[in-house]
PDB file of N, CA and C in Angstrom:
ATOM      1  N   MET A   1       0.850  -1.177   0.000  1.00  0.00           N
ATOM      2  CA  MET A   1       0.000   0.000   0.000  1.00  0.00           C
ATOM      3  C   MET A   1       0.889   1.230   0.000  1.00  0.00           C
ATOM      4  N   LYS A   2       0.606   2.166  -0.897  1.00  0.00           N
ATOM      5  CA  LYS A   2       1.413   3.375  -1.042  1.00  0.00           C
ATOM      6  C   LYS A   2       0.676   4.550  -0.395  1.00  0.00           C
ATOM      7  N   LEU A   3       1.264   5.119   0.668  1.00  0.00           N
ATOM      8  CA  LEU A   3       0.620   6.220   1.379  1.00  0.00           C
ATOM      9  C   LEU A   3       1.079   7.589   0.885  1.00  0.00           C
ATOM     10  N   PHE A   4       2.354   7.687   0.542  1.00  0.00           N
ATOM     11  CA  PHE A   4       2.903   8.980   0.144  1.00  0.00           C
ATOM     12  C   PHE A   4       3.644   8.830  -1.170  1.00  0.00           C
ATOM     13  N   ALA A   5       3.572   9.848  -1.985  1.00  0.00           N
ATOM     14  CA  ALA A   5       4.331   9.839  -3.230  1.00  0.00           C
ATOM     15  C   ALA A   5       5.790  10.101  -2.907  1.00  0.00           C
ATOM     16  N   LEU A   6       6.657   9.321  -3.513  1.00  0.00           N
ATOM     17  CA  LEU A   6       8.082   9.515  -3.297  1.00  0.00           C
ATOM     18  C   LEU A   6       8.604  10.494  -4.333  1.00  0.00           C
ATOM     19  N   GLY A   7       9.588  11.220  -3.978  1.00  0.00           N
ATOM     20  CA  GLY A   7      10.183  12.154  -4.923  1.00  0.00           C
ATOM     21  C   GLY A   7      10.533  13.450  -4.239  1.00  0.00           C
ATOM     22  N   HIS A   8      10.985  14.387  -5.038  1.00  0.00           N
ATOM     23  CA  HIS A   8      11.426  15.677  -4.523  1.00  0.00           C
ATOM     24  C   HIS A   8      10.224  16.541  -4.165  1.00  0.00           C
ATOM     25  N   ARG A   9      10.240  17.076  -2.977  1.00  0.00           N
ATOM     26  CA  ARG A   9       9.156  17.938  -2.508  1.00  0.00           C
ATOM     27  C   ARG A   9       9.611  19.375  -2.580  1.00  0.00           C
ATOM     28  N   THR A  10       8.842  20.202  -3.249  1.00  0.00           N
ATOM     29  CA  THR A  10       9.189  21.616  -3.339  1.00  0.00           C
ATOM     30  C   THR A  10       8.628  22.351  -2.140  1.00  0.00           C
ATOM     31  N   ALA A  11       9.192  23.495  -1.867  1.00  0.00           N
ATOM     32  CA  ALA A  11       8.697  24.324  -0.759  1.00  0.00           C
ATOM     33  C   ALA A  11       7.283  24.786  -1.066  1.00  0.00           C
ATOM     34  N   ASP A  12       6.511  24.992  -0.006  1.00  0.00           N
ATOM     35  CA  ASP A  12       5.149  25.481  -0.192  1.00  0.00           C
ATOM     36  C   ASP A  12       5.185  26.853  -0.833  1.00  0.00           C
ATOM     37  N   PRO A  13       4.377  27.058  -1.858  1.00  0.00           N
ATOM     38  CA  PRO A  13       4.374  28.369  -2.512  1.00  0.00           C
ATOM     39  C   PRO A  13       3.781  29.439  -1.596  1.00  0.00           C
ATOM     40  N   ALA A  14       4.227  30.660  -1.798  1.00  0.00           N
ATOM     41  CA  ALA A  14       3.700  31.783  -1.028  1.00  0.00           C
ATOM     42  C   ALA A  14       2.275  32.064  -1.487  1.00  0.00           C
ATOM     43  N   PRO A  15       1.422  32.563  -0.589  1.00  0.00           N
ATOM     44  CA  PRO A  15       0.065  32.902  -1.013  1.00  0.00           C
ATOM     45  C   PRO A  15       0.095  33.946  -2.126  1.00  0.00           C
ATOM     46  N   THR A  16      -0.779  33.784  -3.089  1.00  0.00           N
ATOM     47  CA  THR A  16      -0.797  34.707  -4.223  1.00  0.00           C
ATOM     48  C   THR A  16      -1.686  35.912  -3.976  1.00  0.00           C
ATOM     49  N   GLU A  17      -2.600  35.803  -3.027  1.00  0.00           N
ATOM     50  CA  GLU A  17      -3.503  36.917  -2.752  1.00  0.00           C
ATOM     51  C   GLU A  17      -3.432  37.308  -1.288  1.00  0.00           C
ATOM     52  N   THR A  18      -3.588  38.579  -1.035  1.00  0.00           N
ATOM     53  CA  THR A  18      -3.677  39.053   0.338  1.00  0.00           C
ATOM     54  C   THR A  18      -5.134  39.353   0.635  1.00  0.00           C
ATOM     55  N   PRO A  19      -5.565  39.224   1.883  1.00  0.00           N
ATOM     56  CA  PRO A  19      -6.970  39.502   2.204  1.00  0.00           C
ATOM     57  C   PRO A  19      -7.325  40.945   1.870  1.00  0.00           C
ATOM     58  N   THR A  20      -8.470  41.118   1.303  1.00  0.00           N
ATOM     59  CA  THR A  20      -8.941  42.460   0.987  1.00  0.00           C
ATOM     60  C   THR A  20      -9.705  43.024   2.168  1.00  0.00           C
ATOM     61  N   ALA A  21      -9.948  44.309   2.126  1.00  0.00           N
ATOM     62  CA  ALA A  21     -10.716  44.943   3.201  1.00  0.00           C
ATOM     63  C   ALA A  21     -12.106  44.329   3.286  1.00  0.00           C
ATOM     64  N   ALA A  22     -12.680  43.982   2.141  1.00  0.00           N
ATOM     65  CA  ALA A  22     -14.016  43.389   2.144  1.00  0.00           C
ATOM     66  C   ALA A  22     -14.009  42.022   2.818  1.00  0.00           C
ATOM     67  N   ALA A  23     -12.939  41.280   2.664  1.00  0.00           N
ATOM     68  CA  ALA A  23     -12.873  39.944   3.252  1.00  0.00           C
ATOM     69  C   ALA A  23     -12.701  39.977   4.759  1.00  0.00           C
ATOM     70  N   THR A  24     -12.171  41.049   5.295  1.00  0.00           N
ATOM     71  CA  THR A  24     -11.943  41.129   6.735  1.00  0.00           C
ATOM     72  C   THR A  24     -12.915  42.073   7.425  1.00  0.00           C
ATOM     73  N   ALA A  25     -13.823  42.670   6.685  1.00  0.00           N
ATOM     74  CA  ALA A  25     -14.770  43.613   7.276  1.00  0.00           C
ATOM     75  C   ALA A  25     -15.849  42.876   8.054  1.00  0.00           C
ATOM     76  N   VAL A  26     -16.470  43.572   8.968  1.00  0.00           N
ATOM     77  CA  VAL A  26     -17.581  43.022   9.739  1.00  0.00           C
ATOM     78  C   VAL A  26     -18.770  42.845   8.804  1.00  0.00           C
ATOM     79  N   SER A  27     -19.428  41.703   8.882  1.00  0.00           N
ATOM     80  CA  SER A  27     -20.632  41.469   8.100  1.00  0.00           C
ATOM     81  C   SER A  27     -21.826  41.969   8.900  1.00  0.00           C
ATOM     82  N   TYR A  28     -22.491  42.975   8.384  1.00  0.00           N
ATOM     83  CA  TYR A  28     -23.645  43.510   9.096  1.00  0.00           C
ATOM     84  C   TYR A  28     -24.931  42.778   8.742  1.00  0.00           C
ATOM     85  N   LEU A  29     -24.876  41.856   7.774  1.00  0.00           N
ATOM     86  CA  LEU A  29     -26.060  41.072   7.448  1.00  0.00           C
ATOM     87  C   LEU A  29     -26.155  39.829   8.320  1.00  0.00           C
ATOM     88  N   ALA A  30     -25.026  39.173   8.572  1.00  0.00           N
ATOM     89  CA  ALA A  30     -25.026  38.004   9.454  1.00  0.00           C
ATOM     90  C   ALA A  30     -24.983  38.516  10.894  1.00  0.00           C
ATOM     91  N   ARG A  31     -25.951  38.096  11.702  1.00  0.00           N
ATOM     92  CA  ARG A  31     -26.041  38.594  13.080  1.00  0.00           C
ATOM     93  C   ARG A  31     -26.285  37.440  14.034  1.00  0.00           C
ATOM     94  N   TYR A  32     -25.889  37.633  15.287  1.00  0.00           N
ATOM     95  CA  TYR A  32     -26.170  36.637  16.324  1.00  0.00           C
ATOM     96  C   TYR A  32     -26.881  37.311  17.481  1.00  0.00           C
ATOM     97  N   VAL A  33     -27.611  36.527  18.250  1.00  0.00           N
ATOM     98  CA  VAL A  33     -28.345  37.028  19.413  1.00  0.00           C
ATOM     99  C   VAL A  33     -27.345  37.186  20.553  1.00  0.00           C
ATOM    100  N   ASN A  34     -27.297  38.372  21.154  1.00  0.00           N
ATOM    101  CA  ASN A  34     -26.303  38.650  22.195  1.00  0.00           C
ATOM    102  C   ASN A  34     -26.882  38.604  23.609  1.00  0.00           C
ATOM    103  N   ARG A  35     -28.070  38.054  23.764  1.00  0.00           N
ATOM    104  CA  ARG A  35     -28.709  37.899  25.080  1.00  0.00           C
ATOM    105  C   ARG A  35     -29.300  36.505  25.166  1.00  0.00           C
ATOM    106  N   ASP A  36     -29.734  36.147  26.347  1.00  0.00           N
ATOM    107  CA  ASP A  36     -30.294  34.815  26.535  1.00  0.00           C
ATOM    108  C   ASP A  36     -31.800  34.897  26.740  1.00  0.00           C
ATOM    109  N   ALA A  37     -32.516  33.955  26.156  1.00  0.00           N
ATOM    110  CA  ALA A  37     -33.957  33.794  26.339  1.00  0.00           C
ATOM    111  C   ALA A  37     -34.745  35.049  26.009  1.00  0.00           C
ATOM    112  N   VAL A  38     -34.621  35.521  24.760  1.00  0.00           N
ATOM    113  CA  VAL A  38     -35.383  36.682  24.317  1.00  0.00           C
ATOM    114  C   VAL A  38     -36.541  36.209  23.442  1.00  0.00           C
ATOM    115  N   PHE A  39     -37.650  36.914  23.520  1.00  0.00           N
ATOM    116  CA  PHE A  39     -38.797  36.552  22.705  1.00  0.00           C
ATOM    117  C   PHE A  39     -38.615  37.078  21.294  1.00  0.00           C
ATOM    118  N   ALA A  40     -38.837  36.201  20.323  1.00  0.00           N
ATOM    119  CA  ALA A  40     -38.851  36.568  18.912  1.00  0.00           C
ATOM    120  C   ALA A  40     -40.305  36.861  18.556  1.00  0.00           C
ATOM    121  N   HIS A  41     -40.517  37.921  17.798  1.00  0.00           N
ATOM    122  CA  HIS A  41     -41.877  38.355  17.476  1.00  0.00           C
ATOM    123  C   HIS A  41     -42.177  38.171  15.994  1.00  0.00           C
ATOM    124  N   SER A  42     -43.462  38.186  15.660  1.00  0.00           N
ATOM    125  CA  SER A  42     -43.902  38.015  14.279  1.00  0.00           C
ATOM    126  C   SER A  42     -43.805  39.311  13.485  1.00  0.00           C
ATOM    127  N   GLY A  43     -43.569  40.422  14.138  1.00  0.00           N
ATOM    128  CA  GLY A  43     -43.455  41.710  13.466  1.00  0.00           C
ATOM    129  C   GLY A  43     -42.561  42.644  14.262  1.00  0.00           C
ATOM    130  N   PRO A  44     -42.309  43.840  13.716  1.00  0.00           N
ATOM    131  CA  PRO A  44     -41.368  44.774  14.337  1.00  0.00           C
ATOM    132  C   PRO A  44     -41.947  45.568  15.504  1.00  0.00           C
ATOM    133  N   GLY A  45     -42.063  44.932  16.643  1.00  0.00           N
ATOM    134  CA  GLY A  45     -42.533  45.630  17.823  1.00  0.00           C
ATOM    135  C   GLY A  45     -43.073  44.666  18.856  1.00  0.00           C
ATOM    136  N   PRO A  46     -43.150  45.127  20.107  1.00  0.00           N
ATOM    137  CA  PRO A  46     -43.623  44.244  21.178  1.00  0.00           C
ATOM    138  C   PRO A  46     -45.113  43.928  21.080  1.00  0.00           C
ATOM    139  N   ASP A  47     -45.859  44.675  20.275  1.00  0.00           N
ATOM    140  CA  ASP A  47     -47.291  44.417  20.134  1.00  0.00           C
ATOM    141  C   ASP A  47     -47.579  43.227  19.226  1.00  0.00           C
ATOM    142  N   PHE A  48     -46.575  42.774  18.462  1.00  0.00           N
ATOM    143  CA  PHE A  48     -46.746  41.607  17.602  1.00  0.00           C
ATOM    144  C   PHE A  48     -46.592  40.339  18.438  1.00  0.00           C
ATOM    145  N   ALA A  49     -47.262  39.300  18.019  1.00  0.00           N
ATOM    146  CA  ALA A  49     -47.274  38.035  18.779  1.00  0.00           C
ATOM    147  C   ALA A  49     -45.877  37.417  18.869  1.00  0.00           C
ATOM    148  N   PRO A  50     -45.505  36.926  20.059  1.00  0.00           N
ATOM    149  CA  PRO A  50     -44.245  36.183  20.157  1.00  0.00           C
ATOM    150  C   PRO A  50     -44.381  34.845  19.435  1.00  0.00           C
ATOM    151  N   ILE A  51     -43.317  34.447  18.723  1.00  0.00           N
ATOM    152  CA  ILE A  51     -43.353  33.172  17.993  1.00  0.00           C
ATOM    153  C   ILE A  51     -42.429  32.135  18.617  1.00  0.00           C
ATOM    154  N   GLY A  52     -41.697  32.529  19.635  1.00  0.00           N
ATOM    155  CA  GLY A  52     -40.768  31.621  20.294  1.00  0.00           C
ATOM    156  C   GLY A  52     -39.662  32.413  20.971  1.00  0.00           C
ATOM    157  N   GLN A  53     -38.674  31.697  21.451  1.00  0.00           N
ATOM    158  CA  GLN A  53     -37.539  32.344  22.106  1.00  0.00           C
ATOM    159  C   GLN A  53     -36.258  32.057  21.340  1.00  0.00           C
ATOM    160  N   LEU A  54     -35.332  32.996  21.426  1.00  0.00           N
ATOM    161  CA  LEU A  54     -33.992  32.803  20.893  1.00  0.00           C
ATOM    162  C   LEU A  54     -33.008  32.949  22.042  1.00  0.00           C
ATOM    163  N   PHE A  55     -31.893  32.266  21.925  1.00  0.00           N
ATOM    164  CA  PHE A  55     -30.895  32.244  22.986  1.00  0.00           C
ATOM    165  C   PHE A  55     -29.557  32.767  22.481  1.00  0.00           C
ATOM    166  N   TYR A  56     -28.693  33.077  23.416  1.00  0.00           N
ATOM    167  CA  TYR A  56     -27.358  33.588  23.113  1.00  0.00           C
ATOM    168  C   TYR A  56     -26.698  32.717  22.047  1.00  0.00           C
ATOM    169  N   LEU A  57     -26.185  33.350  21.011  1.00  0.00           N
ATOM    170  CA  LEU A  57     -25.480  32.764  19.869  1.00  0.00           C
ATOM    171  C   LEU A  57     -26.379  32.113  18.821  1.00  0.00           C
ATOM    172  N   ASP A  58     -27.715  32.149  18.987  1.00  0.00           N
ATOM    173  CA  ASP A  58     -28.559  31.807  17.842  1.00  0.00           C
ATOM    174  C   ASP A  58     -28.246  32.836  16.770  1.00  0.00           C
ATOM    175  N   ARG A  59     -28.265  32.444  15.494  1.00  0.00           N
ATOM    176  CA  ARG A  59     -27.816  33.371  14.468  1.00  0.00           C
ATOM    177  C   ARG A  59     -28.653  33.294  13.198  1.00  0.00           C
ATOM    178  N   GLY A  60     -28.553  34.371  12.428  1.00  0.00           N
ATOM    179  CA  GLY A  60     -29.307  34.437  11.187  1.00  0.00           C
ATOM    180  C   GLY A  60     -28.842  35.575  10.313  1.00  0.00           C
ATOM    181  N   ILE A  61     -29.522  35.740   9.209  1.00  0.00           N
ATOM    182  CA  ILE A  61     -29.232  36.789   8.237  1.00  0.00           C
ATOM    183  C   ILE A  61     -30.274  37.890   8.404  1.00  0.00           C
ATOM    184  N   LYS A  62     -29.805  39.118   8.492  1.00  0.00           N
ATOM    185  CA  LYS A  62     -30.707  40.267   8.629  1.00  0.00           C
ATOM    186  C   LYS A  62     -31.380  40.525   7.285  1.00  0.00           C
ATOM    187  N   LEU A  63     -32.707  40.476   7.284  1.00  0.00           N
ATOM    188  CA  LEU A  63     -33.471  40.702   6.062  1.00  0.00           C
ATOM    189  C   LEU A  63     -33.878  42.162   5.914  1.00  0.00           C
ATOM    190  N   ARG A  64     -34.324  42.753   7.013  1.00  0.00           N
ATOM    191  CA  ARG A  64     -34.723  44.173   6.996  1.00  0.00           C
ATOM    192  C   ARG A  64     -34.774  44.711   8.405  1.00  0.00           C
ATOM    193  N   GLU A  65     -34.978  46.012   8.510  1.00  0.00           N
ATOM    194  CA  GLU A  65     -35.085  46.650   9.816  1.00  0.00           C
ATOM    195  C   GLU A  65     -36.188  47.693   9.779  1.00  0.00           C
ATOM    196  N   ALA A  66     -36.791  47.926  10.943  1.00  0.00           N
ATOM    197  CA  ALA A  66     -37.856  48.911  11.065  1.00  0.00           C
ATOM    198  C   ALA A  66     -37.970  49.345  12.515  1.00  0.00           C
ATOM    199  N   ASP A  67     -37.882  50.645  12.742  1.00  0.00           N
ATOM    200  CA  ASP A  67     -38.096  51.232  14.072  1.00  0.00           C
ATOM    201  C   ASP A  67     -37.257  50.579  15.167  1.00  0.00           C
ATOM    202  N   GLY A  68     -35.984  50.302  14.885  1.00  0.00           N
ATOM    203  CA  GLY A  68     -35.100  49.734  15.888  1.00  0.00           C
ATOM    204  C   GLY A  68     -35.211  48.225  16.038  1.00  0.00           C
ATOM    205  N   TRP A  69     -35.966  47.585  15.169  1.00  0.00           N
ATOM    206  CA  TRP A  69     -36.123  46.129  15.174  1.00  0.00           C
ATOM    207  C   TRP A  69     -35.514  45.563  13.900  1.00  0.00           C
ATOM    208  N   VAL A  70     -35.016  44.332  13.964  1.00  0.00           N
ATOM    209  CA  VAL A  70     -34.463  43.660  12.786  1.00  0.00           C
ATOM    210  C   VAL A  70     -35.183  42.329  12.578  1.00  0.00           C
ATOM    211  N   GLN A  71     -35.364  41.995  11.316  1.00  0.00           N
ATOM    212  CA  GLN A  71     -35.938  40.694  10.972  1.00  0.00           C
ATOM    213  C   GLN A  71     -34.794  39.780  10.571  1.00  0.00           C
ATOM    214  N   LEU A  72     -34.701  38.632  11.239  1.00  0.00           N
ATOM    215  CA  LEU A  72     -33.662  37.656  10.953  1.00  0.00           C
ATOM    216  C   LEU A  72     -34.270  36.410  10.333  1.00  0.00           C
ATOM    217  N   ARG A  73     -33.555  35.847   9.363  1.00  0.00           N
ATOM    218  CA  ARG A  73     -33.881  34.498   8.874  1.00  0.00           C
ATOM    219  C   ARG A  73     -32.869  33.568   9.514  1.00  0.00           C
ATOM    220  N   LEU A  74     -33.338  32.633  10.327  1.00  0.00           N
ATOM    221  CA  LEU A  74     -32.442  31.755  11.076  1.00  0.00           C
ATOM    222  C   LEU A  74     -31.641  30.863  10.133  1.00  0.00           C
ATOM    223  N   ARG A  75     -30.338  30.790  10.383  1.00  0.00           N
ATOM    224  CA  ARG A  75     -29.463  29.962   9.549  1.00  0.00           C
ATOM    225  C   ARG A  75     -29.452  28.513   9.996  1.00  0.00           C
ATOM    226  N   TYR A  76     -29.803  28.276  11.233  1.00  0.00           N
ATOM    227  CA  TYR A  76     -29.833  26.927  11.795  1.00  0.00           C
ATOM    228  C   TYR A  76     -31.044  26.827  12.700  1.00  0.00           C
ATOM    229  N   ARG A  77     -31.404  25.619  13.069  1.00  0.00           N
ATOM    230  CA  ARG A  77     -32.460  25.436  14.068  1.00  0.00           C
ATOM    231  C   ARG A  77     -31.999  26.130  15.349  1.00  0.00           C
ATOM    232  N   SER A  78     -32.873  26.929  15.949  1.00  0.00           N
ATOM    233  CA  SER A  78     -32.492  27.675  17.148  1.00  0.00           C
ATOM    234  C   SER A  78     -32.385  26.747  18.351  1.00  0.00           C
ATOM    235  N   ALA A  79     -31.756  27.236  19.407  1.00  0.00           N
ATOM    236  CA  ALA A  79     -31.610  26.461  20.637  1.00  0.00           C
ATOM    237  C   ALA A  79     -32.965  26.100  21.236  1.00  0.00           C
ATOM    238  N   SER A  80     -33.991  26.919  20.977  1.00  0.00           N
ATOM    239  CA  SER A  80     -35.325  26.650  21.522  1.00  0.00           C
ATOM    240  C   SER A  80     -36.187  25.820  20.576  1.00  0.00           C
ATOM    241  N   GLY A  81     -35.690  25.545  19.361  1.00  0.00           N
ATOM    242  CA  GLY A  81     -36.430  24.699  18.441  1.00  0.00           C
ATOM    243  C   GLY A  81     -37.096  25.403  17.279  1.00  0.00           C
ATOM    244  N   LEU A  82     -36.904  26.733  17.124  1.00  0.00           N
ATOM    245  CA  LEU A  82     -37.437  27.389  15.929  1.00  0.00           C
ATOM    246  C   LEU A  82     -36.718  26.813  14.715  1.00  0.00           C
ATOM    247  N   ALA A  83     -37.441  26.562  13.657  1.00  0.00           N
ATOM    248  CA  ALA A  83     -36.901  25.877  12.482  1.00  0.00           C
ATOM    249  C   ALA A  83     -35.879  26.722  11.724  1.00  0.00           C
ATOM    250  N   GLU A  84     -34.921  26.037  11.105  1.00  0.00           N
ATOM    251  CA  GLU A  84     -33.983  26.698  10.195  1.00  0.00           C
ATOM    252  C   GLU A  84     -34.795  27.374   9.097  1.00  0.00           C
ATOM    253  N   GLY A  85     -34.454  28.611   8.774  1.00  0.00           N
ATOM    254  CA  GLY A  85     -35.172  29.352   7.743  1.00  0.00           C
ATOM    255  C   GLY A  85     -36.347  30.161   8.259  1.00  0.00           C
ATOM    256  N   ALA A  86     -36.739  29.958   9.523  1.00  0.00           N
ATOM    257  CA  ALA A  86     -37.830  30.743  10.110  1.00  0.00           C
ATOM    258  C   ALA A  86     -37.399  32.201  10.207  1.00  0.00           C
ATOM    259  N   THR A  87     -38.342  33.110  10.116  1.00  0.00           N
ATOM    260  CA  THR A  87     -38.032  34.524  10.284  1.00  0.00           C
ATOM    261  C   THR A  87     -38.600  35.008  11.607  1.00  0.00           C
ATOM    262  N   ALA A  88     -37.867  35.917  12.232  1.00  0.00           N
ATOM    263  CA  ALA A  88     -38.268  36.441  13.539  1.00  0.00           C
ATOM    264  C   ALA A  88     -37.789  37.880  13.660  1.00  0.00           C
ATOM    265  N   TRP A  89     -38.555  38.678  14.365  1.00  0.00           N
ATOM    266  CA  TRP A  89     -38.191  40.072  14.634  1.00  0.00           C
ATOM    267  C   TRP A  89     -37.672  40.190  16.060  1.00  0.00           C
ATOM    268  N   LEU A  90     -36.564  40.933  16.216  1.00  0.00           N
ATOM    269  CA  LEU A  90     -35.951  41.195  17.529  1.00  0.00           C
ATOM    270  C   LEU A  90     -35.539  42.651  17.595  1.00  0.00           C
ATOM    271  N   PRO A  91     -35.476  43.228  18.801  1.00  0.00           N
ATOM    272  CA  PRO A  91     -34.882  44.560  18.900  1.00  0.00           C
ATOM    273  C   PRO A  91     -33.430  44.490  18.410  1.00  0.00           C
ATOM    274  N   GLU A  92     -33.022  45.473  17.625  1.00  0.00           N
ATOM    275  CA  GLU A  92     -31.666  45.464  17.061  1.00  0.00           C
ATOM    276  C   GLU A  92     -30.598  45.416  18.147  1.00  0.00           C
ATOM    277  N   ALA A  93     -30.874  46.016  19.309  1.00  0.00           N
ATOM    278  CA  ALA A  93     -29.902  46.018  20.412  1.00  0.00           C
ATOM    279  C   ALA A  93     -29.655  44.614  20.951  1.00  0.00           C
ATOM    280  N   TRP A  94     -30.545  43.683  20.684  1.00  0.00           N
ATOM    281  CA  TRP A  94     -30.377  42.309  21.167  1.00  0.00           C
ATOM    282  C   TRP A  94     -29.599  41.446  20.188  1.00  0.00           C
ATOM    283  N   THR A  95     -29.120  42.045  19.096  1.00  0.00           N
ATOM    284  CA  THR A  95     -28.302  41.317  18.122  1.00  0.00           C
ATOM    285  C   THR A  95     -26.997  42.054  17.919  1.00  0.00           C
ATOM    286  N   SER A  96     -25.992  41.330  17.458  1.00  0.00           N
ATOM    287  CA  SER A  96     -24.684  41.913  17.136  1.00  0.00           C
ATOM    288  C   SER A  96     -24.227  41.372  15.798  1.00  0.00           C
ATOM    289  N   PRO A  97     -23.460  42.171  15.048  1.00  0.00           N
ATOM    290  CA  PRO A  97     -22.950  41.675  13.768  1.00  0.00           C
ATOM    291  C   PRO A  97     -21.893  40.599  13.983  1.00  0.00           C
ATOM    292  N   CYS A  98     -21.821  39.680  13.040  1.00  0.00           N
ATOM    293  CA  CYS A  98     -20.765  38.670  13.069  1.00  0.00           C
ATOM    294  C   CYS A  98     -19.455  39.333  12.650  1.00  0.00           C
ATOM    295  N   VAL A  99     -18.380  38.847  13.181  1.00  0.00           N
ATOM    296  CA  VAL A  99     -17.086  39.488  12.953  1.00  0.00           C
ATOM    297  C   VAL A  99     -16.134  38.572  12.205  1.00  0.00           C
ATOM    298  N   PRO A 100     -14.986  39.088  11.772  1.00  0.00           N
ATOM    299  CA  PRO A 100     -14.046  38.297  10.958  1.00  0.00           C
ATOM    300  C   PRO A 100     -13.523  37.053  11.684  1.00  0.00           C
ATOM    301  N   PRO A 101     -12.939  36.116  10.912  1.00  0.00           N
ATOM    302  CA  PRO A 101     -12.374  34.912  11.502  1.00  0.00           C
ATOM    303  C   PRO A 101     -11.364  35.229  12.593  1.00  0.00           C
ATOM    304  N   GLY A 102     -11.261  34.348  13.568  1.00  0.00           N
ATOM    305  CA  GLY A 102     -10.335  34.553  14.675  1.00  0.00           C
ATOM    306  C   GLY A 102     -11.049  35.009  15.928  1.00  0.00           C
ATOM    307  N   THR A 103     -12.299  35.408  15.782  1.00  0.00           N
ATOM    308  CA  THR A 103     -13.123  35.796  16.931  1.00  0.00           C
ATOM    309  C   THR A 103     -14.458  35.079  16.764  1.00  0.00           C
ATOM    310  N   LEU A 104     -15.496  35.558  17.401  1.00  0.00           N
ATOM    311  CA  LEU A 104     -16.804  34.934  17.272  1.00  0.00           C
ATOM    312  C   LEU A 104     -17.289  35.073  15.829  1.00  0.00           C
ATOM    313  N   THR A 105     -17.620  33.998  15.195  1.00  0.00           N
ATOM    314  CA  THR A 105     -18.064  34.046  13.805  1.00  0.00           C
ATOM    315  C   THR A 105     -19.454  33.475  13.663  1.00  0.00           C
ATOM    316  N   CYS A 106     -20.056  33.695  12.551  1.00  0.00           N
ATOM    317  CA  CYS A 106     -21.365  33.144  12.241  1.00  0.00           C
ATOM    318  C   CYS A 106     -21.253  32.309  10.974  1.00  0.00           C
ATOM    319  N   PRO A 107     -20.878  31.077  11.108  1.00  0.00           N
ATOM    320  CA  PRO A 107     -20.726  30.242   9.918  1.00  0.00           C
ATOM    321  C   PRO A 107     -22.042  30.029   9.210  1.00  0.00           C
TER     322      PRO A 107
END
């Protein structure tokens, strides 16, 4: 059984591209919940019916905003069981943008 190719190994080539500002910038569309056990609503405001709860680090894509509220489409099933792809409204202050690799990210 042959595991490795025999022969001369060249040095690893240097990277051909450097990260651009866009690649390292904060993504303001991908957001995570920065509090625990918050009610997600069906519309932009506390008068809209709650549809469930979201927990710290639940995450999604920001679809729109209105009056200090943001609508998120969940990227994964939430910790409380809201389905992947569900949309929910939260106060914008209860969410934070995802940041570049090396810190908290939103895959």
